[in-house]
């Protein structure tokens, strides 16, 4: 028996992950070491740790929730209606906003680069640029492909696999969820796929032909979302009951991963960076991913199962925030570049200004317009 009613806790969790993009990208500007030469001269290990913590769970949760809700739609509406729904909510917004945001972001970066070095050539807008990057909208681009592929695979399995095989698969998945070693099992393929990435931390590949490891890594969590939906009557209550246990396991795992991450980056001395340290980091980090995901699922299912007007407003605005926030974050960072304030002060101001700008623009130009209807499926009247 599967729920066909709206699951407000998961809606709220999805909205939070979108809003956290502001914090994540603001912290990225002030990471130590600085990611790019034109980013802030002030850096902070706290910003680095904050970025690392959010990055652990944000995108895996995104994909888990996307898989869960797509499976729900397939059950409720059927394959054709689900594909049309996802085309309206994912493919059309990507095709509409990607070129606009691409130009805006690159103009901002080019203007800042020229301000730092007037002789710099900046960024040229040629054909190669337009076919090589999806920018911060890579999540939508992945889902454009994940959705039809998985729906076709699910329909094929329903028609070809005996019921006992499908039940055995779900039973195996349940054992994975409800045993302490589940996080370790999930961590192994995730750790293998993240090998070779900076500090062994998987990042989304913004290319239109992304790397196989990046696609496989995030499809792992998208597939887990489908599995969670299939076993939701037992798995979701399990997370809600045991969120504190997941938190108690997630915190020390993250602290250890953070420590080994600093070692792998050479921040604690180049002599401490080694292949062994990098392997331990990958395993710890990948285990922490699953633990934090289960914690957030549990907390939001337990304490955000009902919806109020503020929560609904923030949830409705979250898609717009996800689309718009990055150029605003960059604008704030570059405007503060020459100011000699502490990195964390700059970061907090950037988060505040970006949040306000996103909310104001949403309220004035999106909420009661066709854009809001495109993003949320309805035009808000209140």
Protein backbone atom coordinates (compact mmCIF):
# COMPACT_ATOMS: atom_id res chain seq x y z
CA UNK A 1 0.00 0.00 0.00
CA UNK A 2 1.50 3.32 -1.09
CA UNK A 3 0.57 6.82 -0.05
CA UNK A 4 -1.11 8.98 -2.69
CA UNK A 5 -1.37 12.04 -0.46
CA UNK A 6 1.15 14.84 -0.32
CA UNK A 7 4.08 14.12 2.03
CA UNK A 8 4.72 17.56 3.50
CA UNK A 9 7.89 16.55 5.34
CA UNK A 10 9.59 15.52 2.10
CA UNK A 11 8.32 18.63 0.32
CA UNK A 12 9.86 20.78 3.06
CA UNK A 13 13.11 18.83 2.88
CA UNK A 14 13.33 19.32 -0.89
CA UNK A 15 12.74 23.05 -0.43
CA UNK A 16 15.48 23.28 2.21
CA UNK A 17 17.98 21.58 -0.11
CA UNK A 18 17.22 24.20 -2.76
CA UNK A 19 17.55 27.08 -0.32
CA UNK A 20 20.83 25.69 0.98
CA UNK A 21 22.32 26.39 -2.43
CA UNK A 22 22.71 30.00 -1.27
CA UNK A 23 24.75 28.94 1.75
CA UNK A 24 26.77 26.37 -0.19
CA UNK A 25 27.83 28.71 -2.98
CA UNK A 26 28.45 31.61 -0.60
CA UNK A 27 30.73 29.40 1.49
CA UNK A 28 32.49 28.22 -1.67
CA UNK A 29 33.68 31.78 -2.36
CA UNK A 30 35.54 31.87 0.97
CA UNK A 31 36.90 28.32 1.12
CA UNK A 32 40.48 27.69 2.09
CA UNK A 33 42.33 27.25 -0.16
CA UNK A 34 40.62 29.67 -2.52
CA UNK A 35 39.09 27.79 -5.44
CA UNK A 36 39.85 30.40 -8.11
CA UNK A 37 42.15 33.40 -8.28
CA UNK A 38 39.33 35.88 -8.76
CA UNK A 39 37.48 34.74 -5.65
CA UNK A 40 37.80 36.28 -2.21
CA UNK A 41 41.29 36.96 -0.83
CA UNK A 42 39.87 36.27 2.64
CA UNK A 43 39.34 32.59 3.36
CA UNK A 44 38.17 30.51 6.30
CA UNK A 45 38.43 26.86 7.30
CA UNK A 46 34.96 27.28 8.80
CA UNK A 47 33.63 28.14 5.34
CA UNK A 48 35.48 25.11 4.00
CA UNK A 49 33.91 22.84 6.63
CA UNK A 50 30.45 24.34 6.07
CA UNK A 51 30.74 23.78 2.34
CA UNK A 52 31.92 20.21 2.91
CA UNK A 53 29.09 19.47 5.35
CA UNK A 54 26.31 20.76 3.08
CA UNK A 55 27.86 19.08 0.07
CA UNK A 56 27.76 15.72 1.87
CA UNK A 57 23.98 15.45 1.83
CA UNK A 58 22.52 18.15 -0.44
CA UNK A 59 22.82 16.64 -3.91
CA UNK A 60 22.41 12.99 -2.82
CA UNK A 61 19.20 14.01 -1.05
CA UNK A 62 18.10 15.96 -4.10
CA UNK A 63 18.42 12.86 -6.24
CA UNK A 64 16.85 10.55 -3.65
CA UNK A 65 13.82 12.84 -3.38
CA UNK A 66 13.64 13.20 -7.16
CA UNK A 67 13.62 9.42 -7.51
CA UNK A 68 11.02 9.05 -4.77
CA UNK A 69 8.61 11.59 -6.22
CA UNK A 70 9.02 10.30 -9.77
CA UNK A 71 8.14 6.79 -8.57
CA UNK A 72 5.12 8.28 -6.77
CA UNK A 73 4.00 10.05 -9.95
CA UNK A 74 4.43 6.87 -11.99
CA UNK A 75 2.25 4.96 -9.54
CA UNK A 76 -0.38 7.71 -9.46
CA UNK A 77 -0.48 8.97 -13.06
CA UNK A 78 1.12 6.32 -15.27
CA UNK A 79 4.14 6.51 -17.55
CA UNK A 80 2.92 8.98 -20.19
CA UNK A 81 1.54 11.53 -17.71
CA UNK A 82 4.67 11.25 -15.56
CA UNK A 83 6.93 11.92 -18.54
CA UNK A 84 4.83 14.93 -19.56
CA UNK A 85 4.83 16.23 -15.99
CA UNK A 86 8.61 15.96 -15.70
CA UNK A 87 9.06 17.59 -19.11
CA UNK A 88 7.00 20.58 -17.93
CA UNK A 89 8.70 20.90 -14.54
CA UNK A 90 12.28 20.01 -15.48
CA UNK A 91 13.06 20.06 -19.21
CA UNK A 92 11.22 23.27 -20.12
CA UNK A 93 12.63 25.31 -17.19
CA UNK A 94 16.12 24.06 -18.06
CA UNK A 95 15.78 25.01 -21.73
CA UNK A 96 14.29 28.38 -20.82
CA UNK A 97 16.59 29.49 -18.01
CA UNK A 98 19.91 27.83 -18.86
CA UNK A 99 20.93 30.19 -21.73
CA UNK A 100 19.80 33.28 -19.82
CA UNK A 101 21.67 32.33 -16.65
CA UNK A 102 24.71 31.23 -18.64
CA UNK A 103 25.09 34.67 -20.20
CA UNK A 104 24.41 36.55 -16.95
CA UNK A 105 26.87 34.49 -14.90
CA UNK A 106 29.65 34.72 -17.45
CA UNK A 107 29.18 38.46 -17.90
CA UNK A 108 29.50 38.86 -14.11
CA UNK A 109 32.66 36.73 -14.01
CA UNK A 110 34.15 38.51 -17.03
CA UNK A 111 33.48 41.96 -15.56
CA UNK A 112 35.17 40.97 -12.30
CA UNK A 113 38.15 39.40 -14.10
CA UNK A 114 38.66 42.59 -16.10
CA UNK A 115 38.40 44.68 -12.95
CA UNK A 116 41.21 42.64 -11.39
CA UNK A 117 43.27 42.65 -14.58
CA UNK A 118 42.26 45.19 -17.25
CA UNK A 119 44.42 43.36 -19.80
CA UNK A 120 42.53 40.08 -19.35
CA UNK A 121 40.65 38.84 -22.38
CA UNK A 122 37.79 37.58 -20.25
CA UNK A 123 35.40 34.92 -21.46
CA UNK A 124 34.55 34.54 -25.12
CA UNK A 125 31.03 33.46 -26.02
CA UNK A 126 31.67 30.93 -28.75
CA UNK A 127 29.93 27.78 -29.86
CA UNK A 128 32.21 25.56 -27.82
CA UNK A 129 31.25 27.38 -24.59
CA UNK A 130 27.56 26.82 -25.28
CA UNK A 131 27.83 23.07 -25.70
CA UNK A 132 30.18 22.24 -22.84
CA UNK A 133 28.52 23.38 -19.60
CA UNK A 134 25.13 23.26 -17.94
CA UNK A 135 26.37 25.42 -15.08
CA UNK A 136 24.65 25.09 -11.72
CA UNK A 137 21.60 23.63 -13.50
CA UNK A 138 23.37 20.32 -14.05
CA UNK A 139 20.98 18.69 -11.56
CA UNK A 140 18.04 19.41 -13.89
CA UNK A 141 20.02 18.18 -16.86
CA UNK A 142 20.75 14.86 -15.16
CA UNK A 143 17.07 14.42 -14.29
CA UNK A 144 16.04 15.04 -17.90
CA UNK A 145 17.83 11.79 -18.72
CA UNK A 146 17.34 9.86 -15.49
CA UNK A 147 13.55 10.08 -15.58
CA UNK A 148 12.71 8.42 -18.92
CA UNK A 149 15.49 5.86 -18.59
CA UNK A 150 14.29 4.74 -15.16
CA UNK A 151 10.62 4.71 -16.11
CA UNK A 152 11.35 2.52 -19.12
CA UNK A 153 13.51 0.23 -16.99
CA UNK A 154 10.78 -0.02 -14.33
CA UNK A 155 8.13 -0.89 -16.93
CA UNK A 156 10.42 -3.48 -18.49
CA UNK A 157 11.13 -5.07 -15.10
CA UNK A 158 7.40 -5.22 -14.31
CA UNK A 159 6.77 -7.12 -17.53
CA UNK A 160 9.78 -9.43 -17.54
CA UNK A 161 10.88 -10.15 -13.96
CA UNK A 162 8.91 -12.65 -11.88
CA UNK A 163 7.25 -11.20 -8.81
CA UNK A 164 9.38 -13.33 -6.50
CA UNK A 165 12.56 -11.78 -7.99
CA UNK A 166 11.24 -8.28 -7.47
CA UNK A 167 10.21 -9.09 -3.92
CA UNK A 168 13.67 -10.56 -3.24
CA UNK A 169 15.27 -7.35 -4.50
CA UNK A 170 13.07 -5.23 -2.23
CA UNK A 171 13.78 -7.51 0.73
CA UNK A 172 17.52 -7.13 0.15
CA UNK A 173 17.09 -3.37 0.03
CA UNK A 174 15.14 -3.44 3.31
CA UNK A 175 17.92 -5.36 5.04
CA UNK A 176 20.35 -2.73 3.81
CA UNK A 177 18.26 0.08 5.29
CA UNK A 178 17.58 -1.49 8.67
CA UNK A 179 21.03 -2.71 9.61
CA UNK A 180 23.97 -0.72 10.95
CA UNK A 181 26.19 -1.93 8.13
CA UNK A 182 23.88 -0.42 5.51
CA UNK A 183 25.84 2.84 5.39
CA UNK A 184 29.05 0.89 4.80
CA UNK A 185 27.52 -1.08 1.92
CA UNK A 186 26.27 2.09 0.23
CA UNK A 187 29.62 3.76 0.90
CA UNK A 188 31.64 1.21 -1.08
CA UNK A 189 30.30 1.97 -4.60
CA UNK A 190 30.09 5.69 -3.77
CA UNK A 191 33.72 5.69 -2.62
CA UNK A 192 34.86 3.84 -5.75
CA UNK A 193 33.05 6.29 -8.02
CA UNK A 194 34.48 9.37 -6.27
CA UNK A 195 38.08 8.33 -6.82
CA UNK A 196 40.08 10.96 -8.67
CA UNK A 197 37.88 13.91 -7.73
CA UNK A 198 39.36 16.86 -5.75
CA UNK A 199 39.75 15.70 -2.15
CA UNK A 200 37.82 12.60 -3.34
CA UNK A 201 34.56 14.54 -3.01
CA UNK A 202 32.12 13.90 -5.84
CA UNK A 203 30.92 16.99 -7.65
CA UNK A 204 28.35 17.31 -10.39
CA UNK A 205 29.74 17.31 -13.89
CA UNK A 206 28.30 20.30 -15.72
CA UNK A 207 29.24 18.99 -19.15
CA UNK A 208 26.53 18.06 -21.63
CA UNK A 209 28.40 14.77 -21.92
CA UNK A 210 29.19 14.24 -18.23
CA UNK A 211 31.65 11.72 -16.89
CA UNK A 212 30.37 8.19 -16.35
CA UNK A 213 31.46 8.24 -12.70
CA UNK A 214 29.44 11.36 -11.93
CA UNK A 215 26.35 10.01 -13.67
CA UNK A 216 26.66 6.63 -11.93
CA UNK A 217 27.24 8.22 -8.51
CA UNK A 218 24.12 10.35 -8.59
CA UNK A 219 22.04 7.69 -10.28
CA UNK A 220 22.88 5.48 -7.30
CA UNK A 221 20.96 7.89 -5.05
CA UNK A 222 18.21 8.45 -7.61
CA UNK A 223 17.69 4.69 -7.68
CA UNK A 224 17.70 4.57 -3.89
CA UNK A 225 14.85 7.08 -3.99
CA UNK A 226 12.81 4.63 -6.07
CA UNK A 227 13.62 1.87 -3.61
CA UNK A 228 12.61 4.08 -0.69
CA UNK A 229 9.27 4.70 -2.37
CA UNK A 230 8.71 0.98 -2.84
CA UNK A 231 9.36 0.37 0.88
CA UNK A 232 8.08 3.70 2.19
CA UNK A 233 5.59 2.20 4.64
CA UNK A 234 8.44 0.74 6.65
CA UNK A 235 11.46 2.88 5.74
CA UNK A 236 10.01 6.35 6.30
CA UNK A 237 8.66 5.54 9.80
CA UNK A 238 12.00 3.88 10.55
CA UNK A 239 13.88 7.11 9.75
CA UNK A 240 11.38 9.20 11.72
CA UNK A 241 11.86 7.01 14.80
CA UNK A 242 15.64 6.73 14.60
CA UNK A 243 16.72 10.14 13.38
CA UNK A 244 18.68 10.72 16.63
CA UNK A 245 20.68 7.53 16.12
CA UNK A 246 21.55 8.54 12.58
CA UNK A 247 22.65 11.94 13.86
CA UNK A 248 24.85 10.39 16.55
CA UNK A 249 26.54 8.29 13.88
CA UNK A 250 26.70 11.05 11.25
CA UNK A 251 28.45 13.69 13.41
CA UNK A 252 31.63 11.74 14.31
CA UNK A 253 31.77 10.27 10.79
CA UNK A 254 31.70 13.76 9.31
CA UNK A 255 34.27 15.09 11.79
CA UNK A 256 36.65 12.28 10.88
CA UNK A 257 36.01 12.77 7.17
CA UNK A 258 36.64 16.50 7.60
CA UNK A 259 39.92 15.82 9.38
CA UNK A 260 41.13 13.39 6.74
CA UNK A 261 39.93 15.81 4.08
CA UNK A 262 42.18 18.54 5.47
CA UNK A 263 45.01 16.01 5.44
CA UNK A 264 44.29 14.98 1.85
CA UNK A 265 44.27 18.63 0.77
CA UNK A 266 47.61 19.23 2.48
CA UNK A 267 46.13 21.84 4.81
CA UNK A 268 47.69 20.10 7.82
CA UNK A 269 51.03 19.60 6.11
CA UNK A 270 51.92 18.19 2.71
CA UNK A 271 53.68 15.23 4.32
CA UNK A 272 50.35 13.99 5.71
CA UNK A 273 48.69 13.69 2.29
CA UNK A 274 48.94 10.14 0.95
CA UNK A 275 46.92 7.57 -1.04
CA UNK A 276 46.01 5.81 2.22
CA UNK A 277 44.61 9.03 3.68
CA UNK A 278 42.64 9.63 0.48
CA UNK A 279 41.13 6.12 0.64
CA UNK A 280 40.06 6.55 4.28
CA UNK A 281 38.55 9.93 3.36
CA UNK A 282 36.51 8.44 0.54
CA UNK A 283 35.10 5.67 2.73
CA UNK A 284 34.29 7.98 5.65
CA UNK A 285 32.81 10.66 3.44
CA UNK A 286 30.66 8.18 1.53
CA UNK A 287 29.37 6.62 4.76
CA UNK A 288 28.56 10.09 6.09
CA UNK A 289 26.50 10.80 2.96
CA UNK A 290 24.05 8.00 3.75
CA UNK A 291 23.91 8.75 7.48
CA UNK A 292 23.14 12.45 6.96
CA UNK A 293 20.52 11.62 4.33
CA UNK A 294 18.72 9.28 6.72
CA UNK A 295 18.94 11.86 9.53
CA UNK A 296 17.36 14.63 7.47
CA UNK A 297 14.68 12.32 6.12
CA UNK A 298 13.80 11.31 9.67
CA UNK A 299 13.75 14.82 11.17
CA UNK A 300 11.59 16.29 8.43
CA UNK A 301 9.17 13.38 8.43
CA UNK A 302 8.79 13.63 12.22
CA UNK A 303 8.66 17.39 12.77
CA UNK A 304 7.51 18.87 9.45
CA UNK A 305 4.67 16.51 8.58
CA UNK A 306 2.14 19.36 8.58
CA UNK A 307 2.28 22.47 6.45
CA UNK A 308 1.65 26.12 7.30
CA UNK A 309 1.46 29.27 5.17
CA UNK A 310 5.09 30.23 5.73
CA UNK A 311 6.34 26.75 4.92
CA UNK A 312 4.22 26.59 1.78
CA UNK A 313 5.49 30.00 0.66
CA UNK A 314 9.13 29.03 1.15
CA UNK A 315 8.51 25.71 -0.59
CA UNK A 316 6.88 27.42 -3.56
CA UNK A 317 9.76 29.90 -3.82
CA UNK A 318 12.51 27.27 -3.59
CA UNK A 319 12.64 26.35 -7.28
CA UNK A 320 13.05 30.02 -8.23
CA UNK A 321 15.72 30.39 -5.54
CA UNK A 322 17.59 27.40 -6.97
CA UNK A 323 17.56 28.95 -10.44
CA UNK A 324 18.41 32.55 -9.53
CA UNK A 325 20.70 32.47 -6.52
CA UNK A 326 24.11 31.78 -8.08
CA UNK A 327 24.55 35.01 -10.11
CA UNK A 328 23.45 37.00 -7.06
CA UNK A 329 25.97 35.18 -4.85
CA UNK A 330 28.72 36.00 -7.36
CA UNK A 331 27.64 39.64 -7.58
CA UNK A 332 27.78 40.02 -3.80
CA UNK A 333 31.15 38.29 -3.56
CA UNK A 334 32.70 40.46 -6.24
CA UNK A 335 31.18 43.64 -4.79
CA UNK A 336 32.80 42.82 -1.42
CA UNK A 337 36.08 41.64 -2.94
CA UNK A 338 38.15 44.72 -2.04
CA UNK A 339 36.60 45.18 1.41
CA UNK A 340 38.91 44.05 4.19
CA UNK A 341 36.33 42.27 6.31
CA UNK A 342 36.57 38.81 7.80
CA UNK A 343 35.60 36.05 5.39
CA UNK A 344 32.71 34.90 7.58
CA UNK A 345 31.30 38.45 7.80
CA UNK A 346 31.35 38.71 4.01
CA UNK A 347 29.79 35.28 3.70
CA UNK A 348 26.91 36.08 6.08
CA UNK A 349 26.16 39.37 4.32
CA UNK A 350 26.17 37.57 0.97
CA UNK A 351 23.76 34.92 2.27
CA UNK A 352 21.42 37.59 3.65
CA UNK A 353 21.40 39.79 0.56
CA UNK A 354 20.97 36.84 -1.79
CA UNK A 355 18.09 35.42 0.25
CA UNK A 356 16.26 38.75 0.35
CA UNK A 357 16.85 39.36 -3.36
CA UNK A 358 15.50 35.93 -4.27
CA UNK A 359 12.42 36.33 -2.09
CA UNK A 360 11.61 39.83 -3.32
CA UNK A 361 12.03 38.87 -6.97
CA UNK A 362 9.93 35.76 -6.43
CA UNK A 363 7.12 37.70 -4.79
CA UNK A 364 7.07 40.50 -7.38
CA UNK A 365 7.83 38.70 -10.63
CA UNK A 366 7.16 34.99 -10.18
CA UNK A 367 4.61 33.98 -7.57
CA UNK A 368 1.45 35.16 -9.37
CA UNK A 369 2.75 34.86 -12.91
CA UNK A 370 3.10 32.26 -15.62
CA UNK A 371 6.67 31.66 -14.45
CA UNK A 372 5.34 30.55 -11.07
CA UNK A 373 2.83 28.31 -12.81
CA UNK A 374 5.62 26.80 -14.90
CA UNK A 375 7.83 26.10 -11.90
CA UNK A 376 5.21 24.99 -9.37
CA UNK A 377 2.29 23.79 -11.45
CA UNK A 378 0.00 26.52 -10.15
CA UNK A 379 -0.23 30.28 -9.91
CA UNK A 380 -0.31 31.38 -6.27
CA UNK A 381 -3.14 33.78 -5.47
CA UNK A 382 -2.37 34.36 -1.78
